C-alpha atoms as a PDB file:
ATOM      1  CA  MET A   1     174.760 -25.946 -99.347  1.00  0.00           C
ATOM      2  CA  THR A   2     175.624 -25.136 -95.736  1.00  0.00           C
ATOM      3  CA  ARG A   3     172.736 -25.018 -93.303  1.00  0.00           C
ATOM      4  CA  LEU A   4     172.302 -21.793 -91.388  1.00  0.00           C
ATOM      5  CA  PRO A   5     171.258 -21.850 -87.728  1.00  0.00           C
ATOM      6  CA  ASP A   6     167.616 -21.055 -87.121  1.00  0.00           C
ATOM      7  CA  GLU A   7     166.378 -18.283 -84.856  1.00  0.00           C
ATOM      8  CA  SER A   8     166.042 -20.513 -81.784  1.00  0.00           C
ATOM      9  CA  ALA A   9     169.628 -21.797 -82.102  1.00  0.00           C
ATOM     10  CA  ILE A  10     170.948 -18.241 -82.307  1.00  0.00           C
ATOM     11  CA  LEU A  11     168.828 -17.239 -79.308  1.00  0.00           C
ATOM     12  CA  ARG A  12     170.111 -20.192 -77.259  1.00  0.00           C
ATOM     13  CA  PHE A  13     173.697 -19.233 -78.159  1.00  0.00           C
ATOM     14  CA  ARG A  14     173.045 -15.619 -77.146  1.00  0.00           C
ATOM     15  CA  HIS A  15     171.567 -16.709 -73.814  1.00  0.00           C
ATOM     16  CA  MET A  16     174.571 -18.972 -73.196  1.00  0.00           C
ATOM     17  CA  LEU A  17     176.928 -16.040 -73.832  1.00  0.00           C
ATOM     18  CA  GLU A  18     174.936 -13.845 -71.438  1.00  0.00           C
ATOM     19  CA  ALA A  19     174.738 -16.548 -68.747  1.00  0.00           C
ATOM     20  CA  HIS A  20     178.522 -16.910 -68.722  1.00  0.00           C
ATOM     21  CA  GLY A  21     179.314 -13.218 -69.142  1.00  0.00           C
ATOM     22  CA  LEU A  22     181.089 -13.816 -72.441  1.00  0.00           C
ATOM     23  CA  GLY A  23     179.398 -11.154 -74.560  1.00  0.00           C
ATOM     24  CA  GLN A  24     181.438  -8.259 -73.168  1.00  0.00           C
ATOM     25  CA  GLN A  25     184.625 -10.323 -73.289  1.00  0.00           C
ATOM     26  CA  ILE A  26     184.117 -11.196 -76.961  1.00  0.00           C
ATOM     27  CA  LEU A  27     183.264  -7.586 -77.827  1.00  0.00           C
ATOM     28  CA  ALA A  28     186.396  -6.342 -76.034  1.00  0.00           C
ATOM     29  CA  THR A  29     188.537  -8.883 -77.931  1.00  0.00           C
ATOM     30  CA  VAL A  30     187.063  -7.930 -81.311  1.00  0.00           C
ATOM     31  CA  ASN A  31     187.450  -4.217 -80.544  1.00  0.00           C
ATOM     32  CA  ALA A  32     191.101  -4.748 -79.544  1.00  0.00           C
ATOM     33  CA  LYS A  33     191.776  -6.563 -82.841  1.00  0.00           C
ATOM     34  CA  LEU A  34     190.162  -3.712 -84.790  1.00  0.00           C
ATOM     35  CA  VAL A  35     192.248  -1.123 -82.931  1.00  0.00           C
ATOM     36  CA  ASP A  36     195.446  -3.147 -83.537  1.00  0.00           C
ATOM     37  CA  ARG A  37     194.743  -3.136 -87.263  1.00  0.00           C
ATOM     38  CA  GLY A  38     193.703   0.520 -87.375  1.00  0.00           C
ATOM     39  CA  LEU A  39     190.153  -0.390 -88.344  1.00  0.00           C
ATOM     40  CA  MET A  40     188.258   0.926 -85.312  1.00  0.00           C
ATOM     41  CA  LEU A  41     185.726   3.561 -86.337  1.00  0.00           C
ATOM     42  CA  LYS A  42     185.295   6.086 -83.542  1.00  0.00           C
ATOM     43  CA  THR A  43     183.191   8.748 -85.255  1.00  0.00           C
ATOM     44  CA  GLY A  44     180.907   8.783 -88.227  1.00  0.00           C
ATOM     45  CA  THR A  45     177.407   9.198 -89.494  1.00  0.00           C
ATOM     46  CA  VAL A  46     174.758   6.518 -89.818  1.00  0.00           C
ATOM     47  CA  VAL A  47     172.912   6.780 -93.119  1.00  0.00           C
ATOM     48  CA  ASP A  48     169.678   4.927 -93.790  1.00  0.00           C
ATOM     49  CA  ALA A  49     169.823   3.568 -97.321  1.00  0.00           C
ATOM     50  CA  THR A  50     166.587   1.592 -97.190  1.00  0.00           C
ATOM     51  CA  LEU A  51     165.248   0.775-100.624  1.00  0.00           C
ATOM     52  CA  ILE A  52     161.535   1.199-101.130  1.00  0.00           C
ATOM     53  CA  THR A  53     159.315   0.466-104.082  1.00  0.00           C
ATOM     54  CA  ALA A  54     157.883   3.454-105.870  1.00  0.00           C
ATOM     55  CA  SER A  55     155.775   4.005-108.911  1.00  0.00           C
ATOM     56  CA  CYS A  56     157.849   4.844-111.963  1.00  0.00           C
ATOM     57  CA  ILE A  57     155.029   6.940-113.439  1.00  0.00           C
ATOM     58  CA  HIS A  58     156.429  10.078-111.769  1.00  0.00           C
ATOM     59  CA  ALA A  59     159.589   9.807-113.837  1.00  0.00           C
ATOM     60  CA  LEU A  60     157.648   9.538-117.091  1.00  0.00           C
ATOM     61  CA  VAL A  61     154.816  12.021-116.622  1.00  0.00           C
ATOM     62  CA  PRO A  62     155.243  15.776-116.058  1.00  0.00           C
ATOM     63  CA  ALA A  63     154.440  16.839-112.485  1.00  0.00           C
ATOM     64  CA  SER A  64     151.608  19.061-113.729  1.00  0.00           C
ATOM     65  CA  MET A  65     149.751  15.942-114.953  1.00  0.00           C
ATOM     66  CA  ILE A  66     150.029  13.962-111.711  1.00  0.00           C
ATOM     67  CA  GLU A  67     147.154  14.333-109.242  1.00  0.00           C
END
């Protein structure tokens, strides 16, 4: 099993990127690669597909019987 970096390691890495101004450079490089491959999404719609728990009783009991 490969160990994943913990939150503090990721935060240190992020701060290092910011301190050296590398975040924008990396983003520009990734965006250029996406454009080159025709994978850059320029328009679209964000859809929230959050799953939530719900009682299944509503599916089994007629609405007239639910308070």
